[in-house]
Amino acid sequence: MISLQERFVVDERGRRLSVLLDIETYRKLLEELEELETLRAYDAAKASGDEAIPFEETVAEIEQNHR
């Protein structure tokens, strides 16, 4: 889990407008988001009930169609 030490930019009334993160934390958050998106795509594919096609077969079909 990522340990956040955020700082806030506030307006004259003290309302939070944005968050400041160090660059390493920002990069880690992006990596975590990408992993979450991959997991969600996998879950959606499994739930669709479509037939799985082996990767090698898919690549061969793509290569054959581009000749």
PDB file of N, CA and C in Angstrom:
ATOM      1  N   MET A   1       0.835  -1.180   0.000  1.00  0.00           N
ATOM      2  CA  MET A   1       0.000   0.000   0.000  1.00  0.00           C
ATOM      3  C   MET A   1       0.878   1.241   0.000  1.00  0.00           C
ATOM      4  N   ILE A   2       0.416   2.264  -0.656  1.00  0.00           N
ATOM      5  CA  ILE A   2       1.165   3.507  -0.776  1.00  0.00           C
ATOM      6  C   ILE A   2       0.871   4.397   0.426  1.00  0.00           C
ATOM      7  N   SER A   3       1.932   4.905   1.010  1.00  0.00           N
ATOM      8  CA  SER A   3       1.782   5.841   2.126  1.00  0.00           C
ATOM      9  C   SER A   3       1.716   7.251   1.562  1.00  0.00           C
ATOM     10  N   LEU A   4       0.580   7.910   1.762  1.00  0.00           N
ATOM     11  CA  LEU A   4       0.397   9.251   1.210  1.00  0.00           C
ATOM     12  C   LEU A   4       0.738  10.326   2.232  1.00  0.00           C
ATOM     13  N   GLN A   5       1.504  11.284   1.793  1.00  0.00           N
ATOM     14  CA  GLN A   5       1.782  12.477   2.590  1.00  0.00           C
ATOM     15  C   GLN A   5       1.450  13.661   1.700  1.00  0.00           C
ATOM     16  N   GLU A   6       0.158  13.851   1.492  1.00  0.00           N
ATOM     17  CA  GLU A   6      -0.277  14.889   0.579  1.00  0.00           C
ATOM     18  C   GLU A   6      -0.280  16.248   1.262  1.00  0.00           C
ATOM     19  N   ARG A   7      -0.140  17.257   0.424  1.00  0.00           N
ATOM     20  CA  ARG A   7      -0.279  18.647   0.844  1.00  0.00           C
ATOM     21  C   ARG A   7      -1.365  19.244  -0.035  1.00  0.00           C
ATOM     22  N   PHE A   8      -2.086  20.189   0.499  1.00  0.00           N
ATOM     23  CA  PHE A   8      -3.214  20.752  -0.227  1.00  0.00           C
ATOM     24  C   PHE A   8      -2.965  22.197  -0.621  1.00  0.00           C
ATOM     25  N   VAL A   9      -3.484  22.556  -1.776  1.00  0.00           N
ATOM     26  CA  VAL A   9      -3.551  23.944  -2.190  1.00  0.00           C
ATOM     27  C   VAL A   9      -4.949  24.410  -1.804  1.00  0.00           C
ATOM     28  N   VAL A  10      -5.017  25.509  -1.073  1.00  0.00           N
ATOM     29  CA  VAL A  10      -6.304  25.997  -0.595  1.00  0.00           C
ATOM     30  C   VAL A  10      -6.567  27.401  -1.122  1.00  0.00           C
ATOM     31  N   ASP A  11      -7.846  27.766  -1.177  1.00  0.00           N
ATOM     32  CA  ASP A  11      -8.194  29.126  -1.566  1.00  0.00           C
ATOM     33  C   ASP A  11      -8.190  30.026  -0.331  1.00  0.00           C
ATOM     34  N   GLU A  12      -8.603  31.276  -0.518  1.00  0.00           N
ATOM     35  CA  GLU A  12      -8.568  32.243   0.575  1.00  0.00           C
ATOM     36  C   GLU A  12      -9.502  31.877   1.738  1.00  0.00           C
ATOM     37  N   ARG A  13     -10.458  30.997   1.483  1.00  0.00           N
ATOM     38  CA  ARG A  13     -11.374  30.547   2.536  1.00  0.00           C
ATOM     39  C   ARG A  13     -10.921  29.237   3.188  1.00  0.00           C
ATOM     40  N   GLY A  14      -9.806  28.716   2.740  1.00  0.00           N
ATOM     41  CA  GLY A  14      -9.293  27.477   3.300  1.00  0.00           C
ATOM     42  C   GLY A  14      -9.869  26.227   2.658  1.00  0.00           C
ATOM     43  N   ARG A  15     -10.627  26.389   1.578  1.00  0.00           N
ATOM     44  CA  ARG A  15     -11.195  25.218   0.875  1.00  0.00           C
ATOM     45  C   ARG A  15     -10.101  24.562   0.042  1.00  0.00           C
ATOM     46  N   ARG A  16     -10.040  23.263   0.142  1.00  0.00           N
ATOM     47  CA  ARG A  16      -9.037  22.522  -0.615  1.00  0.00           C
ATOM     48  C   ARG A  16      -9.378  22.553  -2.099  1.00  0.00           C
ATOM     49  N   LEU A  17      -8.394  22.935  -2.901  1.00  0.00           N
ATOM     50  CA  LEU A  17      -8.574  23.016  -4.348  1.00  0.00           C
ATOM     51  C   LEU A  17      -7.838  21.915  -5.093  1.00  0.00           C
ATOM     52  N   SER A  18      -6.694  21.522  -4.594  1.00  0.00           N
ATOM     53  CA  SER A  18      -5.903  20.482  -5.259  1.00  0.00           C
ATOM     54  C   SER A  18      -4.956  19.853  -4.245  1.00  0.00           C
ATOM     55  N   VAL A  19      -4.300  18.790  -4.695  1.00  0.00           N
ATOM     56  CA  VAL A  19      -3.393  18.038  -3.836  1.00  0.00           C
ATOM     57  C   VAL A  19      -2.002  18.054  -4.456  1.00  0.00           C
ATOM     58  N   LEU A  20      -1.010  18.195  -3.621  1.00  0.00           N
ATOM     59  CA  LEU A  20       0.379  18.094  -4.057  1.00  0.00           C
ATOM     60  C   LEU A  20       0.953  16.785  -3.537  1.00  0.00           C
ATOM     61  N   LEU A  21       1.554  16.024  -4.437  1.00  0.00           N
ATOM     62  CA  LEU A  21       2.203  14.765  -4.079  1.00  0.00           C
ATOM     63  C   LEU A  21       3.630  14.808  -4.592  1.00  0.00           C
ATOM     64  N   ASP A  22       4.538  14.117  -3.885  1.00  0.00           N
ATOM     65  CA  ASP A  22       5.878  14.027  -4.438  1.00  0.00           C
ATOM     66  C   ASP A  22       5.813  13.149  -5.683  1.00  0.00           C
ATOM     67  N   ILE A  23       6.763  13.304  -6.566  1.00  0.00           N
ATOM     68  CA  ILE A  23       6.713  12.644  -7.874  1.00  0.00           C
ATOM     69  C   ILE A  23       6.741  11.125  -7.754  1.00  0.00           C
ATOM     70  N   GLU A  24       7.488  10.598  -6.785  1.00  0.00           N
ATOM     71  CA  GLU A  24       7.553   9.140  -6.625  1.00  0.00           C
ATOM     72  C   GLU A  24       6.190   8.577  -6.214  1.00  0.00           C
ATOM     73  N   THR A  25       5.509   9.251  -5.316  1.00  0.00           N
ATOM     74  CA  THR A  25       4.170   8.815  -4.917  1.00  0.00           C
ATOM     75  C   THR A  25       3.216   8.886  -6.093  1.00  0.00           C
ATOM     76  N   TYR A  26       3.309   9.940  -6.875  1.00  0.00           N
ATOM     77  CA  TYR A  26       2.465  10.093  -8.064  1.00  0.00           C
ATOM     78  C   TYR A  26       2.691   8.936  -9.032  1.00  0.00           C
ATOM     79  N   ARG A  27       3.944   8.599  -9.273  1.00  0.00           N
ATOM     80  CA  ARG A  27       4.269   7.489 -10.187  1.00  0.00           C
ATOM     81  C   ARG A  27       3.731   6.164  -9.662  1.00  0.00           C
ATOM     82  N   LYS A  28       3.858   5.937  -8.362  1.00  0.00           N
ATOM     83  CA  LYS A  28       3.340   4.706  -7.767  1.00  0.00           C
ATOM     84  C   LYS A  28       1.818   4.643  -7.907  1.00  0.00           C
ATOM     85  N   LEU A  29       1.160   5.767  -7.705  1.00  0.00           N
ATOM     86  CA  LEU A  29      -0.300   5.795  -7.877  1.00  0.00           C
ATOM     87  C   LEU A  29      -0.690   5.456  -9.310  1.00  0.00           C
ATOM     88  N   LEU A  30       0.049   5.977 -10.279  1.00  0.00           N
ATOM     89  CA  LEU A  30      -0.231   5.659 -11.679  1.00  0.00           C
ATOM     90  C   LEU A  30      -0.035   4.168 -11.955  1.00  0.00           C
ATOM     91  N   GLU A  31       1.020   3.585 -11.407  1.00  0.00           N
ATOM     92  CA  GLU A  31       1.257   2.152 -11.588  1.00  0.00           C
ATOM     93  C   GLU A  31       0.122   1.336 -10.983  1.00  0.00           C
ATOM     94  N   GLU A  32      -0.314   1.717  -9.798  1.00  0.00           N
ATOM     95  CA  GLU A  32      -1.420   1.018  -9.141  1.00  0.00           C
ATOM     96  C   GLU A  32      -2.707   1.147  -9.959  1.00  0.00           C
ATOM     97  N   LEU A  33      -2.941   2.307 -10.514  1.00  0.00           N
ATOM     98  CA  LEU A  33      -4.127   2.528 -11.340  1.00  0.00           C
ATOM     99  C   LEU A  33      -4.089   1.656 -12.593  1.00  0.00           C
ATOM    100  N   GLU A  34      -2.932   1.566 -13.230  1.00  0.00           N
ATOM    101  CA  GLU A  34      -2.800   0.714 -14.411  1.00  0.00           C
ATOM    102  C   GLU A  34      -3.071  -0.745 -14.063  1.00  0.00           C
ATOM    103  N   GLU A  35      -2.556  -1.183 -12.916  1.00  0.00           N
ATOM    104  CA  GLU A  35      -2.789  -2.562 -12.499  1.00  0.00           C
ATOM    105  C   GLU A  35      -4.270  -2.804 -12.224  1.00  0.00           C
ATOM    106  N   LEU A  36      -4.919  -1.853 -11.592  1.00  0.00           N
ATOM    107  CA  LEU A  36      -6.349  -1.969 -11.316  1.00  0.00           C
ATOM    108  C   LEU A  36      -7.151  -2.033 -12.620  1.00  0.00           C
ATOM    109  N   GLU A  37      -6.788  -1.205 -13.600  1.00  0.00           N
ATOM    110  CA  GLU A  37      -7.483  -1.231 -14.892  1.00  0.00           C
ATOM    111  C   GLU A  37      -7.309  -2.580 -15.576  1.00  0.00           C
ATOM    112  N   THR A  38      -6.113  -3.164 -15.479  1.00  0.00           N
ATOM    113  CA  THR A  38      -5.860  -4.482 -16.060  1.00  0.00           C
ATOM    114  C   THR A  38      -6.730  -5.543 -15.391  1.00  0.00           C
ATOM    115  N   LEU A  39      -6.809  -5.489 -14.067  1.00  0.00           N
ATOM    116  CA  LEU A  39      -7.645  -6.439 -13.338  1.00  0.00           C
ATOM    117  C   LEU A  39      -9.119  -6.292 -13.698  1.00  0.00           C
ATOM    118  N   ARG A  40      -9.570  -5.074 -13.839  1.00  0.00           N
ATOM    119  CA  ARG A  40     -10.971  -4.847 -14.216  1.00  0.00           C
ATOM    120  C   ARG A  40     -11.258  -5.363 -15.617  1.00  0.00           C
ATOM    121  N   ALA A  41     -10.315  -5.147 -16.536  1.00  0.00           N
ATOM    122  CA  ALA A  41     -10.492  -5.656 -17.902  1.00  0.00           C
ATOM    123  C   ALA A  41     -10.533  -7.181 -17.900  1.00  0.00           C
ATOM    124  N   TYR A  42      -9.685  -7.797 -17.108  1.00  0.00           N
ATOM    125  CA  TYR A  42      -9.675  -9.260 -16.992  1.00  0.00           C
ATOM    126  C   TYR A  42     -11.010  -9.754 -16.439  1.00  0.00           C
ATOM    127  N   ASP A  43     -11.476  -9.126 -15.371  1.00  0.00           N
ATOM    128  CA  ASP A  43     -12.755  -9.520 -14.770  1.00  0.00           C
ATOM    129  C   ASP A  43     -13.903  -9.374 -15.765  1.00  0.00           C
ATOM    130  N   ALA A  44     -13.892  -8.289 -16.533  1.00  0.00           N
ATOM    131  CA  ALA A  44     -14.948  -8.068 -17.523  1.00  0.00           C
ATOM    132  C   ALA A  44     -14.890  -9.130 -18.614  1.00  0.00           C
ATOM    133  N   ALA A  45     -13.682  -9.492 -19.038  1.00  0.00           N
ATOM    134  CA  ALA A  45     -13.537 -10.521 -20.069  1.00  0.00           C
ATOM    135  C   ALA A  45     -14.024 -11.869 -19.561  1.00  0.00           C
ATOM    136  N   LYS A  46     -13.688 -12.206 -18.319  1.00  0.00           N
ATOM    137  CA  LYS A  46     -14.146 -13.476 -17.748  1.00  0.00           C
ATOM    138  C   LYS A  46     -15.665 -13.501 -17.611  1.00  0.00           C
ATOM    139  N   ALA A  47     -16.243 -12.381 -17.209  1.00  0.00           N
ATOM    140  CA  ALA A  47     -17.690 -12.314 -16.993  1.00  0.00           C
ATOM    141  C   ALA A  47     -18.468 -12.332 -18.298  1.00  0.00           C
ATOM    142  N   SER A  48     -17.829 -11.977 -19.414  1.00  0.00           N
ATOM    143  CA  SER A  48     -18.532 -11.899 -20.692  1.00  0.00           C
ATOM    144  C   SER A  48     -18.954 -13.277 -21.200  1.00  0.00           C
ATOM    145  N   GLY A  49     -18.241 -14.309 -20.776  1.00  0.00           N
ATOM    146  CA  GLY A  49     -18.571 -15.659 -21.215  1.00  0.00           C
ATOM    147  C   GLY A  49     -18.084 -15.976 -22.617  1.00  0.00           C
ATOM    148  N   ASP A  50     -17.370 -15.043 -23.248  1.00  0.00           N
ATOM    149  CA  ASP A  50     -16.829 -15.304 -24.587  1.00  0.00           C
ATOM    150  C   ASP A  50     -15.763 -16.392 -24.528  1.00  0.00           C
ATOM    151  N   GLU A  51     -15.616 -17.078 -25.661  1.00  0.00           N
ATOM    152  CA  GLU A  51     -14.606 -18.129 -25.754  1.00  0.00           C
ATOM    153  C   GLU A  51     -13.213 -17.508 -25.765  1.00  0.00           C
ATOM    154  N   ALA A  52     -12.308 -18.047 -24.972  1.00  0.00           N
ATOM    155  CA  ALA A  52     -10.928 -17.569 -24.942  1.00  0.00           C
ATOM    156  C   ALA A  52     -10.171 -18.110 -26.148  1.00  0.00           C
ATOM    157  N   ILE A  53      -9.385 -17.255 -26.772  1.00  0.00           N
ATOM    158  CA  ILE A  53      -8.555 -17.645 -27.905  1.00  0.00           C
ATOM    159  C   ILE A  53      -7.100 -17.548 -27.460  1.00  0.00           C
ATOM    160  N   PRO A  54      -6.307 -18.601 -27.648  1.00  0.00           N
ATOM    161  CA  PRO A  54      -4.897 -18.559 -27.244  1.00  0.00           C
ATOM    162  C   PRO A  54      -4.164 -17.402 -27.924  1.00  0.00           C
ATOM    163  N   PHE A  55      -3.244 -16.800 -27.200  1.00  0.00           N
ATOM    164  CA  PHE A  55      -2.497 -15.644 -27.688  1.00  0.00           C
ATOM    165  C   PHE A  55      -1.798 -15.944 -29.008  1.00  0.00           C
ATOM    166  N   GLU A  56      -1.139 -17.082 -29.073  1.00  0.00           N
ATOM    167  CA  GLU A  56      -0.392 -17.428 -30.291  1.00  0.00           C
ATOM    168  C   GLU A  56      -1.318 -17.513 -31.508  1.00  0.00           C
ATOM    169  N   GLU A  57      -2.505 -18.057 -31.303  1.00  0.00           N
ATOM    170  CA  GLU A  57      -3.479 -18.162 -32.390  1.00  0.00           C
ATOM    171  C   GLU A  57      -3.943 -16.784 -32.841  1.00  0.00           C
ATOM    172  N   THR A  58      -4.141 -15.900 -31.892  1.00  0.00           N
ATOM    173  CA  THR A  58      -4.560 -14.540 -32.216  1.00  0.00           C
ATOM    174  C   THR A  58      -3.488 -13.823 -33.023  1.00  0.00           C
ATOM    175  N   VAL A  59      -2.236 -13.938 -32.604  1.00  0.00           N
ATOM    176  CA  VAL A  59      -1.129 -13.300 -33.316  1.00  0.00           C
ATOM    177  C   VAL A  59      -1.023 -13.854 -34.724  1.00  0.00           C
ATOM    178  N   ALA A  60      -1.127 -15.155 -34.879  1.00  0.00           N
ATOM    179  CA  ALA A  60      -1.048 -15.764 -36.211  1.00  0.00           C
ATOM    180  C   ALA A  60      -2.156 -15.252 -37.103  1.00  0.00           C
ATOM    181  N   GLU A  61      -3.357 -15.113 -36.556  1.00  0.00           N
ATOM    182  CA  GLU A  61      -4.483 -14.622 -37.355  1.00  0.00           C
ATOM    183  C   GLU A  61      -4.266 -13.177 -37.752  1.00  0.00           C
ATOM    184  N   ILE A  62      -3.757 -12.362 -36.866  1.00  0.00           N
ATOM    185  CA  ILE A  62      -3.482 -10.949 -37.192  1.00  0.00           C
ATOM    186  C   ILE A  62      -2.422 -10.864 -38.279  1.00  0.00           C
ATOM    187  N   GLU A  63      -1.349 -11.640 -38.149  1.00  0.00           N
ATOM    188  CA  GLU A  63      -0.284 -11.628 -39.152  1.00  0.00           C
ATOM    189  C   GLU A  63      -0.805 -12.102 -40.499  1.00  0.00           C
ATOM    190  N   GLN A  64      -1.662 -13.092 -40.517  1.00  0.00           N
ATOM    191  CA  GLN A  64      -2.209 -13.612 -41.772  1.00  0.00           C
ATOM    192  C   GLN A  64      -3.093 -12.554 -42.440  1.00  0.00           C
ATOM    193  N   ASN A  65      -3.844 -11.806 -41.684  1.00  0.00           N
ATOM    194  CA  ASN A  65      -4.745 -10.792 -42.244  1.00  0.00           C
ATOM    195  C   ASN A  65      -4.014  -9.557 -42.734  1.00  0.00           C
ATOM    196  N   HIS A  66      -2.757  -9.358 -42.339  1.00  0.00           N
ATOM    197  CA  HIS A  66      -1.999  -8.177 -42.755  1.00  0.00           C
ATOM    198  C   HIS A  66      -1.043  -8.475 -43.905  1.00  0.00           C
ATOM    199  N   ARG A  67      -1.215  -9.619 -44.539  1.00  0.00           N
ATOM    200  CA  ARG A  67      -0.344  -9.953 -45.672  1.00  0.00           C
ATOM    201  C   ARG A  67      -0.961  -9.556 -46.962  1.00  0.00           C
TER     202      ARG A  67
END
